[in-house]
C-alpha atoms as a PDB file:
ATOM      1  CA  MET A   1    -216.555  38.114  76.395  1.00  0.00           C
ATOM      2  CA  SER A   2    -216.850  35.694  73.519  1.00  0.00           C
ATOM      3  CA  CYS A   3    -219.530  33.629  71.817  1.00  0.00           C
ATOM      4  CA  LYS A   4    -219.440  30.043  70.565  1.00  0.00           C
ATOM      5  CA  CYS A   5    -220.170  29.308  66.922  1.00  0.00           C
ATOM      6  CA  GLN A   6    -222.984  26.783  66.630  1.00  0.00           C
ATOM      7  CA  GLN A   7    -221.603  25.461  63.357  1.00  0.00           C
ATOM      8  CA  CYS A   8    -217.847  24.952  63.953  1.00  0.00           C
ATOM      9  CA  LYS A   9    -217.949  25.202  67.795  1.00  0.00           C
ATOM     10  CA  ARG A  10    -215.063  27.725  67.973  1.00  0.00           C
ATOM     11  CA  ASN A  11    -215.194  30.803  70.217  1.00  0.00           C
ATOM     12  CA  TYR A  12    -215.268  34.208  68.524  1.00  0.00           C
ATOM     13  CA  LYS A  13    -215.288  37.868  69.621  1.00  0.00           C
ATOM     14  CA  VAL A  14    -216.337  39.756  66.466  1.00  0.00           C
ATOM     15  CA  ASP A  15    -220.066  39.752  65.767  1.00  0.00           C
ATOM     16  CA  LEU A  16    -221.245  40.282  62.196  1.00  0.00           C
ATOM     17  CA  LEU A  17    -224.750  41.751  61.934  1.00  0.00           C
ATOM     18  CA  LEU A  18    -226.454  40.638  58.733  1.00  0.00           C
ATOM     19  CA  PRO A  19    -229.686  41.732  57.101  1.00  0.00           C
ATOM     20  CA  ASP A  20    -232.529  39.290  57.786  1.00  0.00           C
ATOM     21  CA  TRP A  21    -232.821  38.234  54.122  1.00  0.00           C
ATOM     22  CA  LEU A  22    -229.182  37.118  54.058  1.00  0.00           C
ATOM     23  CA  TRP A  23    -229.265  35.499  57.509  1.00  0.00           C
ATOM     24  CA  GLU A  24    -232.255  33.372  56.399  1.00  0.00           C
ATOM     25  CA  LYS A  25    -230.185  32.059  53.475  1.00  0.00           C
ATOM     26  CA  ILE A  26    -227.100  31.043  55.483  1.00  0.00           C
ATOM     27  CA  THR A  27    -228.430  29.953  58.892  1.00  0.00           C
ATOM     28  CA  PRO A  28    -227.776  26.262  59.593  1.00  0.00           C
ATOM     29  CA  LYS A  29    -230.911  24.159  59.171  1.00  0.00           C
ATOM     30  CA  PRO A  30    -232.694  22.970  61.188  1.00  0.00           C
ATOM     31  CA  LEU A  31    -232.536  26.214  63.122  1.00  0.00           C
ATOM     32  CA  ILE A  32    -230.652  25.760  66.360  1.00  0.00           C
ATOM     33  CA  SER A  33    -232.208  27.153  69.550  1.00  0.00           C
ATOM     34  CA  SER A  34    -231.694  30.873  70.283  1.00  0.00           C
ATOM     35  CA  ALA A  35    -231.670  31.782  66.568  1.00  0.00           C
ATOM     36  CA  GLY A  36    -228.170  30.417  65.942  1.00  0.00           C
ATOM     37  CA  MET A  37    -224.837  32.132  66.300  1.00  0.00           C
ATOM     38  CA  LEU A  38    -222.109  31.877  63.685  1.00  0.00           C
ATOM     39  CA  CYS A  39    -218.508  33.066  63.653  1.00  0.00           C
ATOM     40  CA  GLY A  40    -217.259  35.267  60.821  1.00  0.00           C
ATOM     41  CA  SER A  41    -215.523  32.342  59.096  1.00  0.00           C
ATOM     42  CA  CYS A  42    -218.677  30.224  59.000  1.00  0.00           C
ATOM     43  CA  ILE A  43    -220.774  33.213  57.889  1.00  0.00           C
ATOM     44  CA  MET A  44    -218.409  33.884  54.987  1.00  0.00           C
ATOM     45  CA  ASN A  45    -218.153  30.174  54.079  1.00  0.00           C
ATOM     46  CA  ASN A  46    -221.955  29.922  54.025  1.00  0.00           C
ATOM     47  CA  ILE A  47    -222.260  33.061  51.876  1.00  0.00           C
ATOM     48  CA  GLU A  48    -219.617  31.675  49.497  1.00  0.00           C
ATOM     49  CA  ALA A  49    -221.623  28.432  49.241  1.00  0.00           C
ATOM     50  CA  LEU A  50    -224.656  30.308  47.860  1.00  0.00           C
ATOM     51  CA  ASP A  51    -225.253  29.844  44.145  1.00  0.00           C
ATOM     52  CA  ASN A  52    -225.130  33.550  43.341  1.00  0.00           C
ATOM     53  CA  TYR A  53    -222.736  36.459  43.706  1.00  0.00           C
ATOM     54  CA  GLU A  54    -223.417  38.743  46.661  1.00  0.00           C
ATOM     55  CA  ALA A  55    -221.955  42.177  47.360  1.00  0.00           C
ATOM     56  CA  ILE A  56    -222.138  42.861  51.091  1.00  0.00           C
ATOM     57  CA  HIS A  57    -221.600  46.271  52.687  1.00  0.00           C
ATOM     58  CA  VAL A  58    -219.587  45.985  55.903  1.00  0.00           C
ATOM     59  CA  GLU A  59    -219.493  48.850  58.367  1.00  0.00           C
ATOM     60  CA  ILE A  60    -217.768  49.142  61.725  1.00  0.00           C
ATOM     61  CA  ILE A  61    -220.206  50.355  64.349  1.00  0.00           C
ATOM     62  CA  ASP A  62    -219.824  51.695  67.841  1.00  0.00           C
ATOM     63  CA  PHE A  63    -221.290  48.797  69.800  1.00  0.00           C
ATOM     64  CA  LYS A  64    -222.061  50.838  72.935  1.00  0.00           C
ATOM     65  CA  HIS A  65    -223.926  53.593  71.081  1.00  0.00           C
ATOM     66  CA  ASP A  66    -225.351  52.120  67.874  1.00  0.00           C
ATOM     67  CA  ILE A  67    -226.688  48.731  69.025  1.00  0.00           C
ATOM     68  CA  PRO A  68    -228.934  48.170  72.046  1.00  0.00           C
ATOM     69  CA  HIS A  69    -226.914  46.176  74.563  1.00  0.00           C
ATOM     70  CA  CYS A  70    -227.397  44.715  78.009  1.00  0.00           C
ATOM     71  CA  ASP A  71    -225.256  45.406  81.065  1.00  0.00           C
ATOM     72  CA  CYS A  72    -223.919  41.842  80.688  1.00  0.00           C
ATOM     73  CA  GLY A  73    -222.492  42.817  77.261  1.00  0.00           C
ATOM     74  CA  ARG A  74    -224.894  40.899  74.992  1.00  0.00           C
ATOM     75  CA  ILE A  75    -227.030  42.502  72.297  1.00  0.00           C
ATOM     76  CA  LEU A  76    -230.604  43.257  73.401  1.00  0.00           C
ATOM     77  CA  LEU A  77    -233.282  41.733  71.191  1.00  0.00           C
ATOM     78  CA  TYR A  78    -236.635  43.425  70.623  1.00  0.00           C
ATOM     79  CA  GLY A  79    -239.923  41.577  71.047  1.00  0.00           C
ATOM     80  CA  ASN A  80    -243.589  42.252  71.768  1.00  0.00           C
ATOM     81  CA  GLU A  81    -242.803  43.170  75.381  1.00  0.00           C
ATOM     82  CA  GLY A  82    -239.833  45.447  74.671  1.00  0.00           C
ATOM     83  CA  TYR A  83    -236.120  44.690  74.756  1.00  0.00           C
ATOM     84  CA  PHE A  84    -234.766  41.494  76.306  1.00  0.00           C
ATOM     85  CA  CYS A  85    -231.404  39.781  76.753  1.00  0.00           C
ATOM     86  CA  GLU A  86    -231.079  36.094  75.889  1.00  0.00           C
ATOM     87  CA  GLY A  87    -227.902  35.965  77.974  1.00  0.00           C
ATOM     88  CA  CYS A  88    -229.084  37.083  81.427  1.00  0.00           C
ATOM     89  CA  GLY A  89    -232.857  37.355  80.901  1.00  0.00           C
ATOM     90  CA  LYS A  90    -233.070  41.100  81.651  1.00  0.00           C
ATOM     91  CA  ARG A  91    -236.116  42.857  80.182  1.00  0.00           C
ATOM     92  CA  THR A  92    -236.645  46.560  79.613  1.00  0.00           C
ATOM     93  CA  GLN A  93    -239.189  48.678  77.750  1.00  0.00           C
ATOM     94  CA  VAL A  94    -236.639  51.266  76.621  1.00  0.00           C
ATOM     95  CA  TRP A  95    -233.015  51.283  75.583  1.00  0.00           C
ATOM     96  CA  LYS A  96    -230.727  54.140  76.594  1.00  0.00           C
ATOM     97  CA  ASN A  97    -227.318  54.467  75.010  1.00  0.00           C
ATOM     98  CA  ASP A  98    -224.747  55.578  77.573  1.00  0.00           C
END
């Protein structure tokens, strides 16, 4: 499984999860459909392009147990109607870690 960066168009396999305040600063404008997806290189380049110094805490997480995920392998997003997958369209009210 890999994703395609919407800025440089390369495929990538490592997903960096950023706090919302930082993501808002570095997301390509205008916002691309499906909230945008950036590879690690573009994320770091965009952070470096900010006018101020940022110290970012990076932590390796257990994807299967720490982040809600779909059977198709994508991260589940949470909305008004519960969890949903932008990849396959699956919806669920609860998330169970295996």
